[in-house]
Protein backbone atom coordinates (compact mmCIF):
# COMPACT_ATOMS: atom_id res chain seq x y z
CA MET A 1 208.48 167.10 154.01
CA ARG A 2 208.12 165.30 151.13
CA THR A 3 209.52 161.92 152.58
CA THR A 4 208.03 162.22 155.84
CA LEU A 5 204.44 161.92 153.70
CA MET A 6 206.17 159.21 151.43
CA VAL A 7 206.82 157.55 154.68
CA MET A 8 203.79 158.00 156.25
CA LEU A 9 201.34 156.93 153.20
CA ALA A 10 203.25 153.72 153.08
CA ALA A 11 202.83 152.90 156.55
CA ALA A 12 199.38 153.36 156.33
CA ALA A 13 199.48 151.63 153.23
CA PHE A 14 200.47 148.47 154.81
CA GLY A 15 198.12 148.50 157.76
CA GLY A 16 200.75 150.47 160.02
CA SER A 17 200.29 154.05 161.43
CA ALA A 18 203.33 156.75 161.25
CA SER A 19 203.38 160.21 162.58
CA ALA A 20 205.44 163.20 161.64
CA ALA A 21 205.85 166.46 163.07
CA ASP A 22 203.90 169.35 161.09
CA SER A 23 205.22 173.23 160.38
CA THR A 24 203.61 174.15 163.36
CA GLY A 25 205.64 171.35 165.23
CA GLY A 26 202.18 169.60 166.37
CA ILE A 27 201.75 165.90 165.11
CA THR A 28 200.16 164.43 162.26
CA ARG A 29 199.37 160.90 162.70
CA VAL A 30 198.12 158.86 159.76
CA VAL A 31 196.14 155.35 160.53
CA ALA A 32 195.03 153.24 157.91
CA VAL A 33 191.91 151.98 157.29
CA ASP A 34 191.08 148.37 158.49
CA HIS A 35 190.25 145.95 155.36
CA GLY A 36 190.06 142.75 157.87
CA MET A 37 193.96 143.34 157.61
CA SER A 38 195.11 144.78 160.89
CA MET A 39 195.45 143.58 164.21
CA ALA A 40 192.29 145.80 165.33
CA PRO A 41 189.23 143.58 166.66
CA PRO A 42 187.33 142.53 163.06
CA MET A 43 183.55 143.46 163.42
CA GLY A 44 181.50 140.31 162.61
CA ASP A 45 179.50 137.54 163.81
CA ALA A 46 181.24 135.27 166.28
CA ARG A 47 182.04 133.06 163.53
CA PHE A 48 183.88 135.48 161.78
CA ARG A 49 185.84 136.42 164.85
CA THR A 50 186.91 133.35 165.74
CA LYS A 51 188.10 132.30 162.04
CA HIS A 52 189.70 135.74 161.88
CA ALA A 53 191.77 135.29 164.98
CA GLN A 54 192.87 132.30 163.91
CA ALA A 55 193.99 133.49 160.30
CA GLN A 56 195.88 136.36 161.99
CA ARG A 57 197.71 133.70 164.14
CA GLY A 58 198.72 131.95 160.89
CA ASP A 59 196.48 129.67 160.12
CA ARG A 60 196.19 128.82 156.51
CA ASP A 61 193.13 127.29 156.29
CA ALA A 62 191.26 129.76 158.65
CA MET A 63 192.53 132.38 156.13
CA LEU A 64 191.16 130.78 153.27
CA ASP A 65 188.03 130.73 155.18
CA VAL A 66 188.10 134.79 156.32
CA ALA A 67 188.69 135.41 152.90
CA ALA A 68 185.42 133.49 151.56
CA MET A 69 183.49 135.41 154.34
CA PHE A 70 184.66 138.62 152.90
CA GLY A 71 184.06 137.30 149.64
CA ALA A 72 180.19 136.30 150.51
CA GLY A 73 179.71 138.61 152.89
CA SER A 74 178.63 135.70 155.15
CA GLY A 75 179.18 137.00 158.69
CA VAL A 76 180.94 140.08 157.98
CA THR A 77 180.30 142.97 155.36
CA ARG A 78 181.60 142.08 151.69
CA ASP A 79 184.76 143.16 151.14
CA GLU A 80 186.72 142.28 147.69
CA ARG A 81 189.74 144.18 149.08
CA ALA A 82 190.21 141.59 152.38
CA MET A 83 189.31 139.03 150.48
CA VAL A 84 191.95 139.36 147.55
CA TYR A 85 194.31 140.19 151.19
CA TRP A 86 193.38 136.83 152.69
CA LEU A 87 193.81 134.61 149.48
CA ARG A 88 197.30 135.88 149.21
CA GLN A 89 198.00 135.24 152.89
CA ALA A 90 197.11 131.61 152.21
CA SER A 91 198.80 131.46 149.45
CA GLN A 92 202.01 132.48 150.31
CA ARG A 93 202.02 129.80 153.09
CA ASN A 94 201.21 126.81 150.75
CA HIS A 95 197.49 126.84 150.43
CA PRO A 96 196.84 125.34 146.71
CA LEU A 97 193.23 125.72 147.09
CA ALA A 98 193.67 129.77 147.72
CA SER A 99 196.44 130.01 144.69
CA TYR A 100 193.52 128.74 142.39
CA GLN A 101 190.79 130.77 143.99
CA LEU A 102 193.45 133.83 143.11
CA TYR A 103 193.58 132.59 139.63
CA ARG A 104 189.90 132.58 139.19
CA HIS A 105 189.68 135.34 140.75
CA TYR A 106 191.92 138.10 138.32
CA LEU A 107 191.06 135.53 135.41
CA GLU A 108 187.01 136.67 135.60
CA ARG A 109 188.51 140.03 136.07
CA GLY A 110 191.04 140.04 132.82
CA LEU A 111 194.22 140.31 134.47
CA ASP A 112 195.55 137.43 132.53
CA ARG A 113 199.05 138.01 133.90
CA ASP A 114 198.19 137.48 137.44
CA ALA A 115 195.82 134.73 136.65
CA VAL A 116 198.93 132.77 134.74
CA MET A 117 200.97 133.75 137.86
CA TYR A 118 198.61 132.44 140.39
CA GLU A 119 197.77 129.62 138.40
CA ALA A 120 201.47 128.32 138.32
CA LEU A 121 201.71 128.84 141.43
CA ALA A 122 198.48 126.27 142.34
CA ILE A 123 200.43 123.32 140.16
CA ARG A 124 203.77 123.89 141.75
CA GLN A 125 201.59 123.66 145.39
CA GLY A 126 200.21 120.54 144.15
CA TYR A 127 196.66 121.70 143.14
CA VAL A 128 195.21 119.73 140.26
CA ILE A 129 193.01 121.49 138.59
CA PRO A 130 189.50 119.31 137.76
CA PRO A 131 189.19 119.43 134.13
CA ARG A 132 185.12 119.95 133.62
CA LEU A 133 185.63 123.38 135.56
CA ASP A 134 188.12 124.89 133.46
CA PRO A 135 187.27 125.54 129.72
CA ARG A 136 190.55 125.40 128.55
CA ARG A 137 191.27 121.82 129.51
CA GLY A 138 187.98 120.63 127.93
């Protein structure tokens, strides 16, 4: 039962669903909360829904736009967790600006290890950090 629960929680954490028989023989279903990451139709205005659909099809620029919309609450309810999710998706698809934005996000929160990792990734992906925006660079 413990392993089953862990599998169900893992499936839910990654946007899926899982079901298992409980001790009475009934089926228990766990479904993840939608943070703009699942394939469920998203809430939001028409522009957000269009960009979200493009992002789910793998468009890295749309992923960056969706992240910005979640971050600002523009066309959709503000959701920092969803913003970070979409920035990471774009970063994994070699979007240097998404990697830089993750660097800034983690730096502002004092998460230096994550910040340094995304800063290095942004630079490897070709992003040139403007000196005046980063006080460490003069």
